[in-house]
PDB file of N, CA and C in Angstrom:
ATOM      1  N   MET A   1      67.429  92.004 183.024  1.00  0.00           N
ATOM      2  CA  MET A   1      66.933  90.859 182.278  1.00  0.00           C
ATOM      3  C   MET A   1      67.777  89.642 182.633  1.00  0.00           C
ATOM      4  N   ALA A   2      67.126  88.523 182.871  1.00  0.00           N
ATOM      5  CA  ALA A   2      67.832  87.299 183.249  1.00  0.00           C
ATOM      6  C   ALA A   2      68.657  86.780 182.080  1.00  0.00           C
ATOM      7  N   GLU A   3      69.802  86.314 182.415  1.00  0.00           N
ATOM      8  CA  GLU A   3      70.717  85.803 181.390  1.00  0.00           C
ATOM      9  C   GLU A   3      70.338  84.365 181.058  1.00  0.00           C
ATOM     10  N   PHE A   4      70.402  84.017 179.782  1.00  0.00           N
ATOM     11  CA  PHE A   4      70.069  82.668 179.330  1.00  0.00           C
ATOM     12  C   PHE A   4      71.184  81.712 179.706  1.00  0.00           C
ATOM     13  N   LYS A   5      70.835  80.613 180.364  1.00  0.00           N
ATOM     14  CA  LYS A   5      71.829  79.614 180.757  1.00  0.00           C
ATOM     15  C   LYS A   5      71.788  78.458 179.766  1.00  0.00           C
ATOM     16  N   SER A   6      72.953  77.946 179.449  1.00  0.00           N
ATOM     17  CA  SER A   6      73.011  76.802 178.565  1.00  0.00           C
ATOM     18  C   SER A   6      72.519  75.558 179.303  1.00  0.00           C
ATOM     19  N   LYS A   7      72.210  74.529 178.563  1.00  0.00           N
ATOM     20  CA  LYS A   7      71.748  73.288 179.177  1.00  0.00           C
ATOM     21  C   LYS A   7      72.842  72.701 180.066  1.00  0.00           C
ATOM     22  N   PHE A   8      74.097  72.782 179.628  1.00  0.00           N
ATOM     23  CA  PHE A   8      75.215  72.281 180.423  1.00  0.00           C
ATOM     24  C   PHE A   8      75.315  73.030 181.739  1.00  0.00           C
ATOM     25  N   GLU A   9      75.154  74.335 181.689  1.00  0.00           N
ATOM     26  CA  GLU A   9      75.241  75.156 182.910  1.00  0.00           C
ATOM     27  C   GLU A   9      74.106  74.815 183.873  1.00  0.00           C
ATOM     28  N   SER A  10      72.921  74.589 183.359  1.00  0.00           N
ATOM     29  CA  SER A  10      71.791  74.226 184.213  1.00  0.00           C
ATOM     30  C   SER A  10      72.022  72.871 184.873  1.00  0.00           C
ATOM     31  N   ILE A  11      72.521  71.901 184.116  1.00  0.00           N
ATOM     32  CA  ILE A  11      72.806  70.571 184.665  1.00  0.00           C
ATOM     33  C   ILE A  11      73.917  70.666 185.693  1.00  0.00           C
ATOM     34  N   ARG A  12      74.940  71.439 185.408  1.00  0.00           N
ATOM     35  CA  ARG A  12      76.062  71.590 186.335  1.00  0.00           C
ATOM     36  C   ARG A  12      75.585  72.183 187.656  1.00  0.00           C
ATOM     37  N   GLU A  13      74.746  73.201 187.603  1.00  0.00           N
ATOM     38  CA  GLU A  13      74.226  73.811 188.830  1.00  0.00           C
ATOM     39  C   GLU A  13      73.388  72.821 189.632  1.00  0.00           C
ATOM     40  N   TRP A  14      72.570  72.021 188.930  1.00  0.00           N
ATOM     41  CA  TRP A  14      71.757  71.039 189.632  1.00  0.00           C
ATOM     42  C   TRP A  14      72.644  70.003 190.323  1.00  0.00           C
ATOM     43  N   VAL A  15      73.689  69.524 189.628  1.00  0.00           N
ATOM     44  CA  VAL A  15      74.593  68.536 190.214  1.00  0.00           C
ATOM     45  C   VAL A  15      75.326  69.127 191.412  1.00  0.00           C
ATOM     46  N   VAL A  16      75.748  70.384 191.332  1.00  0.00           N
ATOM     47  CA  VAL A  16      76.432  71.025 192.456  1.00  0.00           C
ATOM     48  C   VAL A  16      75.502  71.109 193.660  1.00  0.00           C
ATOM     49  N   ASP A  17      74.238  71.414 193.440  1.00  0.00           N
ATOM     50  CA  ASP A  17      73.279  71.552 194.539  1.00  0.00           C
ATOM     51  C   ASP A  17      72.786  70.208 195.074  1.00  0.00           C
ATOM     52  N   HIS A  18      72.804  69.167 194.247  1.00  0.00           N
ATOM     53  CA  HIS A  18      72.234  67.865 194.623  1.00  0.00           C
ATOM     54  C   HIS A  18      73.204  66.728 194.308  1.00  0.00           C
ATOM     55  N   LYS A  19      74.404  66.798 194.839  1.00  0.00           N
ATOM     56  CA  LYS A  19      75.435  65.796 194.529  1.00  0.00           C
ATOM     57  C   LYS A  19      75.014  64.382 194.904  1.00  0.00           C
ATOM     58  N   LEU A  20      74.587  64.188 196.133  1.00  0.00           N
ATOM     59  CA  LEU A  20      74.234  62.845 196.586  1.00  0.00           C
ATOM     60  C   LEU A  20      73.012  62.308 195.853  1.00  0.00           C
ATOM     61  N   ARG A  21      72.060  63.150 195.590  1.00  0.00           N
ATOM     62  CA  ARG A  21      70.876  62.723 194.846  1.00  0.00           C
ATOM     63  C   ARG A  21      71.261  62.309 193.425  1.00  0.00           C
ATOM     64  N   ALA A  22      72.164  63.041 192.795  1.00  0.00           N
ATOM     65  CA  ALA A  22      72.601  62.694 191.442  1.00  0.00           C
ATOM     66  C   ALA A  22      73.321  61.354 191.423  1.00  0.00           C
ATOM     67  N   VAL A  23      74.214  61.148 192.379  1.00  0.00           N
ATOM     68  CA  VAL A  23      74.946  59.876 192.442  1.00  0.00           C
ATOM     69  C   VAL A  23      73.981  58.734 192.762  1.00  0.00           C
ATOM     70  N   GLY A  24      73.053  58.941 193.674  1.00  0.00           N
ATOM     71  CA  GLY A  24      72.078  57.907 194.015  1.00  0.00           C
ATOM     72  C   GLY A  24      71.178  57.539 192.852  1.00  0.00           C
ATOM     73  N   CYS A  25      70.718  58.538 192.127  1.00  0.00           N
ATOM     74  CA  CYS A  25      69.874  58.268 190.957  1.00  0.00           C
ATOM     75  C   CYS A  25      70.652  57.531 189.874  1.00  0.00           C
ATOM     76  N   LEU A  26      71.902  57.918 189.693  1.00  0.00           N
ATOM     77  CA  LEU A  26      72.731  57.231 188.704  1.00  0.00           C
ATOM     78  C   LEU A  26      72.971  55.782 189.126  1.00  0.00           C
ATOM     79  N   TRP A  27      73.210  55.559 190.419  1.00  0.00           N
ATOM     80  CA  TRP A  27      73.411  54.203 190.918  1.00  0.00           C
ATOM     81  C   TRP A  27      72.146  53.370 190.711  1.00  0.00           C
ATOM     82  N   LEU A  28      71.002  53.929 191.074  1.00  0.00           N
ATOM     83  CA  LEU A  28      69.742  53.202 190.942  1.00  0.00           C
ATOM     84  C   LEU A  28      69.442  52.867 189.483  1.00  0.00           C
ATOM     85  N   SER A  29      69.616  53.816 188.595  1.00  0.00           N
ATOM     86  CA  SER A  29      69.366  53.538 187.180  1.00  0.00           C
ATOM     87  C   SER A  29      70.396  52.553 186.626  1.00  0.00           C
ATOM     88  N   GLY A  30      71.632  52.627 187.116  1.00  0.00           N
ATOM     89  CA  GLY A  30      72.657  51.690 186.667  1.00  0.00           C
ATOM     90  C   GLY A  30      72.368  50.270 187.085  1.00  0.00           C
ATOM     91  N   ILE A  31      71.956  50.091 188.334  1.00  0.00           N
ATOM     92  CA  ILE A  31      71.671  48.730 188.790  1.00  0.00           C
ATOM     93  C   ILE A  31      70.401  48.195 188.125  1.00  0.00           C
ATOM     94  N   ALA A  32      69.412  49.051 187.907  1.00  0.00           N
ATOM     95  CA  ALA A  32      68.191  48.607 187.227  1.00  0.00           C
ATOM     96  C   ALA A  32      68.490  48.213 185.784  1.00  0.00           C
ATOM     97  N   GLY A  33      69.283  49.017 185.096  1.00  0.00           N
ATOM     98  CA  GLY A  33      69.647  48.685 183.715  1.00  0.00           C
ATOM     99  C   GLY A  33      70.494  47.433 183.633  1.00  0.00           C
ATOM    100  N   SER A  34      71.403  47.273 184.574  1.00  0.00           N
ATOM    101  CA  SER A  34      72.257  46.095 184.572  1.00  0.00           C
ATOM    102  C   SER A  34      71.460  44.829 184.875  1.00  0.00           C
ATOM    103  N   ILE A  35      70.533  44.905 185.823  1.00  0.00           N
ATOM    104  CA  ILE A  35      69.679  43.748 186.112  1.00  0.00           C
ATOM    105  C   ILE A  35      68.826  43.407 184.896  1.00  0.00           C
ATOM    106  N   ALA A  36      68.280  44.427 184.244  1.00  0.00           N
ATOM    107  CA  ALA A  36      67.472  44.177 183.044  1.00  0.00           C
ATOM    108  C   ALA A  36      68.310  43.514 181.949  1.00  0.00           C
ATOM    109  N   TYR A  37      69.529  43.982 181.768  1.00  0.00           N
ATOM    110  CA  TYR A  37      70.395  43.382 180.751  1.00  0.00           C
ATOM    111  C   TYR A  37      70.779  41.953 181.132  1.00  0.00           C
ATOM    112  N   ASN A  38      71.181  41.756 182.397  1.00  0.00           N
ATOM    113  CA  ASN A  38      71.614  40.430 182.823  1.00  0.00           C
ATOM    114  C   ASN A  38      70.471  39.424 182.817  1.00  0.00           C
ATOM    115  N   TRP A  39      69.237  39.879 183.067  1.00  0.00           N
ATOM    116  CA  TRP A  39      68.114  38.958 183.053  1.00  0.00           C
ATOM    117  C   TRP A  39      67.829  38.454 181.636  1.00  0.00           C
ATOM    118  N   SER A  40      68.293  39.173 180.627  1.00  0.00           N
ATOM    119  CA  SER A  40      68.089  38.708 179.253  1.00  0.00           C
ATOM    120  C   SER A  40      69.120  37.650 178.840  1.00  0.00           C
ATOM    121  N   GLN A  41      70.105  37.393 179.683  1.00  0.00           N
ATOM    122  CA  GLN A  41      71.117  36.369 179.418  1.00  0.00           C
ATOM    123  C   GLN A  41      70.631  35.039 180.005  1.00  0.00           C
ATOM    124  N   PRO A  42      70.276  34.074 179.161  1.00  0.00           N
ATOM    125  CA  PRO A  42      69.648  32.851 179.680  1.00  0.00           C
ATOM    126  C   PRO A  42      70.631  31.854 180.317  1.00  0.00           C
ATOM    127  N   ASN A  43      71.903  31.943 180.059  1.00  0.00           N
ATOM    128  CA  ASN A  43      72.847  30.929 180.521  1.00  0.00           C
ATOM    129  C   ASN A  43      73.564  31.299 181.814  1.00  0.00           C
ATOM    130  N   MET A  44      73.000  32.176 182.616  1.00  0.00           N
ATOM    131  CA  MET A  44      73.640  32.603 183.860  1.00  0.00           C
ATOM    132  C   MET A  44      72.739  32.264 185.046  1.00  0.00           C
ATOM    133  N   LYS A  45      73.340  31.927 186.179  1.00  0.00           N
ATOM    134  CA  LYS A  45      72.586  31.721 187.414  1.00  0.00           C
ATOM    135  C   LYS A  45      72.076  33.069 187.912  1.00  0.00           C
ATOM    136  N   THR A  46      71.034  33.026 188.710  1.00  0.00           N
ATOM    137  CA  THR A  46      70.468  34.254 189.272  1.00  0.00           C
ATOM    138  C   THR A  46      71.488  34.972 190.158  1.00  0.00           C
ATOM    139  N   SER A  47      72.242  34.236 190.946  1.00  0.00           N
ATOM    140  CA  SER A  47      73.232  34.867 191.826  1.00  0.00           C
ATOM    141  C   SER A  47      74.319  35.574 191.022  1.00  0.00           C
ATOM    142  N   VAL A  48      74.718  35.000 189.902  1.00  0.00           N
ATOM    143  CA  VAL A  48      75.730  35.628 189.047  1.00  0.00           C
ATOM    144  C   VAL A  48      75.162  36.888 188.404  1.00  0.00           C
ATOM    145  N   LYS A  49      73.908  36.848 188.021  1.00  0.00           N
ATOM    146  CA  LYS A  49      73.266  38.035 187.441  1.00  0.00           C
ATOM    147  C   LYS A  49      73.250  39.191 188.446  1.00  0.00           C
ATOM    148  N   ILE A  50      72.916  38.875 189.698  1.00  0.00           N
ATOM    149  CA  ILE A  50      72.862  39.915 190.735  1.00  0.00           C
ATOM    150  C   ILE A  50      74.257  40.460 191.033  1.00  0.00           C
ATOM    151  N   ILE A  51      75.248  39.573 191.094  1.00  0.00           N
ATOM    152  CA  ILE A  51      76.622  40.004 191.339  1.00  0.00           C
ATOM    153  C   ILE A  51      77.113  40.901 190.213  1.00  0.00           C
ATOM    154  N   HIS A  52      76.832  40.542 188.971  1.00  0.00           N
ATOM    155  CA  HIS A  52      77.237  41.380 187.841  1.00  0.00           C
ATOM    156  C   HIS A  52      76.551  42.736 187.885  1.00  0.00           C
ATOM    157  N   ALA A  53      75.274  42.751 188.241  1.00  0.00           N
ATOM    158  CA  ALA A  53      74.549  44.024 188.336  1.00  0.00           C
ATOM    159  C   ALA A  53      75.169  44.906 189.411  1.00  0.00           C
ATOM    160  N   ARG A  54      75.524  44.315 190.549  1.00  0.00           N
ATOM    161  CA  ARG A  54      76.150  45.092 191.625  1.00  0.00           C
ATOM    162  C   ARG A  54      77.505  45.641 191.192  1.00  0.00           C
ATOM    163  N   LEU A  55      78.292  44.841 190.505  1.00  0.00           N
ATOM    164  CA  LEU A  55      79.601  45.307 190.031  1.00  0.00           C
ATOM    165  C   LEU A  55      79.460  46.442 189.015  1.00  0.00           C
ATOM    166  N   HIS A  56      78.494  46.310 188.109  1.00  0.00           N
ATOM    167  CA  HIS A  56      78.260  47.390 187.140  1.00  0.00           C
ATOM    168  C   HIS A  56      77.816  48.665 187.845  1.00  0.00           C
ATOM    169  N   ALA A  57      76.950  48.518 188.833  1.00  0.00           N
ATOM    170  CA  ALA A  57      76.473  49.692 189.573  1.00  0.00           C
ATOM    171  C   ALA A  57      77.602  50.331 190.368  1.00  0.00           C
ATOM    172  N   GLN A  58      78.503  49.521 190.935  1.00  0.00           N
ATOM    173  CA  GLN A  58      79.641  50.087 191.662  1.00  0.00           C
ATOM    174  C   GLN A  58      80.542  50.889 190.730  1.00  0.00           C
ATOM    175  N   ALA A  59      80.824  50.346 189.557  1.00  0.00           N
ATOM    176  CA  ALA A  59      81.667  51.063 188.595  1.00  0.00           C
ATOM    177  C   ALA A  59      81.000  52.364 188.169  1.00  0.00           C
ATOM    178  N   LEU A  60      79.698  52.318 187.948  1.00  0.00           N
ATOM    179  CA  LEU A  60      78.968  53.526 187.557  1.00  0.00           C
ATOM    180  C   LEU A  60      78.963  54.548 188.685  1.00  0.00           C
ATOM    181  N   THR A  61      78.860  54.090 189.932  1.00  0.00           N
ATOM    182  CA  THR A  61      78.885  54.994 191.078  1.00  0.00           C
ATOM    183  C   THR A  61      80.241  55.667 191.213  1.00  0.00           C
ATOM    184  N   LEU A  62      81.312  54.897 191.044  1.00  0.00           N
ATOM    185  CA  LEU A  62      82.649  55.506 191.082  1.00  0.00           C
ATOM    186  C   LEU A  62      82.817  56.550 189.985  1.00  0.00           C
ATOM    187  N   ALA A  63      82.301  56.255 188.803  1.00  0.00           N
ATOM    188  CA  ALA A  63      82.366  57.234 187.715  1.00  0.00           C
ATOM    189  C   ALA A  63      81.548  58.479 188.056  1.00  0.00           C
ATOM    190  N   ALA A  64      80.378  58.294 188.684  1.00  0.00           N
ATOM    191  CA  ALA A  64      79.544  59.434 189.064  1.00  0.00           C
ATOM    192  C   ALA A  64      80.225  60.275 190.138  1.00  0.00           C
ATOM    193  N   LEU A  65      80.863  59.620 191.108  1.00  0.00           N
ATOM    194  CA  LEU A  65      81.581  60.365 192.144  1.00  0.00           C
ATOM    195  C   LEU A  65      82.755  61.141 191.545  1.00  0.00           C
ATOM    196  N   ALA A  66      83.462  60.527 190.612  1.00  0.00           N
ATOM    197  CA  ALA A  66      84.556  61.228 189.949  1.00  0.00           C
ATOM    198  C   ALA A  66      84.014  62.421 189.152  1.00  0.00           C
ATOM    199  N   GLY A  67      82.881  62.229 188.486  1.00  0.00           N
ATOM    200  CA  GLY A  67      82.259  63.328 187.750  1.00  0.00           C
ATOM    201  C   GLY A  67      81.817  64.450 188.672  1.00  0.00           C
ATOM    202  N   ALA A  68      81.248  64.094 189.830  1.00  0.00           N
ATOM    203  CA  ALA A  68      80.840  65.115 190.800  1.00  0.00           C
ATOM    204  C   ALA A  68      82.053  65.866 191.336  1.00  0.00           C
ATOM    205  N   ALA A  69      83.174  65.156 191.521  1.00  0.00           N
ATOM    206  CA  ALA A  69      84.401  65.821 191.976  1.00  0.00           C
ATOM    207  C   ALA A  69      84.908  66.800 190.925  1.00  0.00           C
ATOM    208  N   VAL A  70      84.826  66.416 189.658  1.00  0.00           N
ATOM    209  CA  VAL A  70      85.254  67.318 188.579  1.00  0.00           C
ATOM    210  C   VAL A  70      84.353  68.550 188.538  1.00  0.00           C
ATOM    211  N   VAL A  71      83.053  68.344 188.678  1.00  0.00           N
ATOM    212  CA  VAL A  71      82.114  69.478 188.684  1.00  0.00           C
ATOM    213  C   VAL A  71      82.404  70.392 189.863  1.00  0.00           C
ATOM    214  N   GLU A  72      82.663  69.810 191.036  1.00  0.00           N
ATOM    215  CA  GLU A  72      82.966  70.610 192.227  1.00  0.00           C
ATOM    216  C   GLU A  72      84.265  71.394 192.046  1.00  0.00           C
ATOM    217  N   TYR A  73      85.279  70.750 191.467  1.00  0.00           N
ATOM    218  CA  TYR A  73      86.552  71.432 191.206  1.00  0.00           C
ATOM    219  C   TYR A  73      86.349  72.586 190.233  1.00  0.00           C
ATOM    220  N   TYR A  74      85.605  72.318 189.164  1.00  0.00           N
ATOM    221  CA  TYR A  74      85.323  73.357 188.167  1.00  0.00           C
ATOM    222  C   TYR A  74      84.563  74.514 188.804  1.00  0.00           C
ATOM    223  N   ASP A  75      83.586  74.196 189.653  1.00  0.00           N
ATOM    224  CA  ASP A  75      82.792  75.223 190.314  1.00  0.00           C
ATOM    225  C   ASP A  75      83.648  76.019 191.293  1.00  0.00           C
ATOM    226  N   HIS A  76      84.497  75.332 192.046  1.00  0.00           N
ATOM    227  CA  HIS A  76      85.364  76.009 193.017  1.00  0.00           C
ATOM    228  C   HIS A  76      86.375  76.907 192.319  1.00  0.00           C
ATOM    229  N   ARG A  77      86.884  76.456 191.207  1.00  0.00           N
ATOM    230  CA  ARG A  77      87.898  77.212 190.478  1.00  0.00           C
ATOM    231  C   ARG A  77      87.318  78.469 189.826  1.00  0.00           C
ATOM    232  N   ASN A  78      86.088  78.400 189.364  1.00  0.00           N
ATOM    233  CA  ASN A  78      85.470  79.513 188.645  1.00  0.00           C
ATOM    234  C   ASN A  78      84.533  80.342 189.514  1.00  0.00           C
ATOM    235  N   ARG A  79      84.471  80.026 190.806  1.00  0.00           N
ATOM    236  CA  ARG A  79      83.595  80.758 191.716  1.00  0.00           C
ATOM    237  C   ARG A  79      84.164  82.150 191.975  1.00  0.00           C
ATOM    238  N   THR A  80      83.277  83.081 192.146  1.00  0.00           N
ATOM    239  CA  THR A  80      83.731  84.425 192.516  1.00  0.00           C
ATOM    240  C   THR A  80      84.250  84.383 193.939  1.00  0.00           C
ATOM    241  N   LYS A  81      84.955  85.388 194.350  1.00  0.00           N
ATOM    242  CA  LYS A  81      85.564  85.421 195.680  1.00  0.00           C
ATOM    243  C   LYS A  81      84.577  85.739 196.793  1.00  0.00           C
ATOM    244  N   ALA A  82      83.326  85.986 196.465  1.00  0.00           N
ATOM    245  CA  ALA A  82      82.319  86.271 197.483  1.00  0.00           C
ATOM    246  C   ALA A  82      82.033  85.010 198.301  1.00  0.00           C
ATOM    247  N   ASP A  83      81.453  85.198 199.463  1.00  0.00           N
ATOM    248  CA  ASP A  83      81.128  84.077 200.333  1.00  0.00           C
ATOM    249  C   ASP A  83      80.071  83.199 199.664  1.00  0.00           C
ATOM    250  N   PRO A  84      80.361  81.917 199.392  1.00  0.00           N
ATOM    251  CA  PRO A  84      79.402  81.066 198.687  1.00  0.00           C
ATOM    252  C   PRO A  84      78.191  80.698 199.539  1.00  0.00           C
ATOM    253  N   TYR A  85      78.269  80.890 200.861  1.00  0.00           N
ATOM    254  CA  TYR A  85      77.179  80.523 201.741  1.00  0.00           C
ATOM    255  C   TYR A  85      76.372  81.728 202.207  1.00  0.00           C
ATOM    256  N   ALA A  86      76.653  82.886 201.664  1.00  0.00           N
ATOM    257  CA  ALA A  86      75.978  84.106 202.098  1.00  0.00           C
ATOM    258  C   ALA A  86      74.470  84.035 201.877  1.00  0.00           C
ATOM    259  N   SER A  87      74.043  83.371 200.808  1.00  0.00           N
ATOM    260  CA  SER A  87      72.613  83.301 200.529  1.00  0.00           C
ATOM    261  C   SER A  87      71.886  82.401 201.515  1.00  0.00           C
ATOM    262  N   TYR A  88      72.598  81.516 202.212  1.00  0.00           N
ATOM    263  CA  TYR A  88      71.979  80.613 203.162  1.00  0.00           C
ATOM    264  C   TYR A  88      71.922  81.182 204.576  1.00  0.00           C
ATOM    265  N   LEU A  89      72.716  82.167 204.845  1.00  0.00           N
ATOM    266  CA  LEU A  89      72.784  82.739 206.187  1.00  0.00           C
ATOM    267  C   LEU A  89      71.986  84.028 206.265  1.00  0.00           C
ATOM    268  N   SER A  90      71.218  84.152 207.310  1.00  0.00           N
ATOM    269  CA  SER A  90      70.478  85.377 207.544  1.00  0.00           C
ATOM    270  C   SER A  90      71.284  86.223 208.517  1.00  0.00           C
ATOM    271  N   VAL A  91      71.506  87.467 208.189  1.00  0.00           N
ATOM    272  CA  VAL A  91      72.291  88.347 209.049  1.00  0.00           C
ATOM    273  C   VAL A  91      71.590  88.554 210.384  1.00  0.00           C
ATOM    274  N   ASP A  92      70.267  88.667 210.370  1.00  0.00           N
ATOM    275  CA  ASP A  92      69.514  88.915 211.593  1.00  0.00           C
ATOM    276  C   ASP A  92      69.516  87.711 212.525  1.00  0.00           C
ATOM    277  N   ALA A  93      69.608  86.521 211.997  1.00  0.00           N
ATOM    278  CA  ALA A  93      69.556  85.319 212.825  1.00  0.00           C
ATOM    279  C   ALA A  93      70.795  85.169 213.689  1.00  0.00           C
ATOM    280  N   TYR A  94      71.914  85.756 213.267  1.00  0.00           N
ATOM    281  CA  TYR A  94      73.159  85.628 213.995  1.00  0.00           C
ATOM    282  C   TYR A  94      73.613  86.952 214.607  1.00  0.00           C
ATOM    283  N   SER A  95      72.662  87.830 214.787  1.00  0.00           N
ATOM    284  CA  SER A  95      72.974  89.130 215.353  1.00  0.00           C
ATOM    285  C   SER A  95      73.196  88.989 216.860  1.00  0.00           C
ATOM    286  N   HIS A  96      74.148  89.750 217.393  1.00  0.00           N
ATOM    287  CA  HIS A  96      74.464  89.693 218.813  1.00  0.00           C
ATOM    288  C   HIS A  96      73.731  90.804 219.590  1.00  0.00           C
ATOM    289  N   LYS A  97      72.851  91.478 218.923  1.00  0.00           N
ATOM    290  CA  LYS A  97      72.074  92.525 219.592  1.00  0.00           C
ATOM    291  C   LYS A  97      71.014  91.868 220.458  1.00  0.00           C
ATOM    292  N   GLU A  98      70.793  92.422 221.612  1.00  0.00           N
ATOM    293  CA  GLU A  98      69.763  91.866 222.504  1.00  0.00           C
ATOM    294  C   GLU A  98      68.632  92.834 222.703  1.00  0.00           C
TER     295      GLU A  98
END
């Protein structure tokens, strides 16, 4: 019977498998949210609004990369000693039999 995974465990596995996609999505949502917020400020030039959005997105990206590093460290530390890439390699594909 399959073991029930917590929501945190499911999210952690997805982030481990899709690190760049997670960081990219976080960056995109961060810059979109920042632009939306800055556009509601009437006393700022358009160039300043864009610069602020980029700075907010950069800070969010650094936080996402740090979070991905923590997830990777946690995963590496708690991983079993078995080969983590065994499921990706086919034994027959690398056979030296002719």
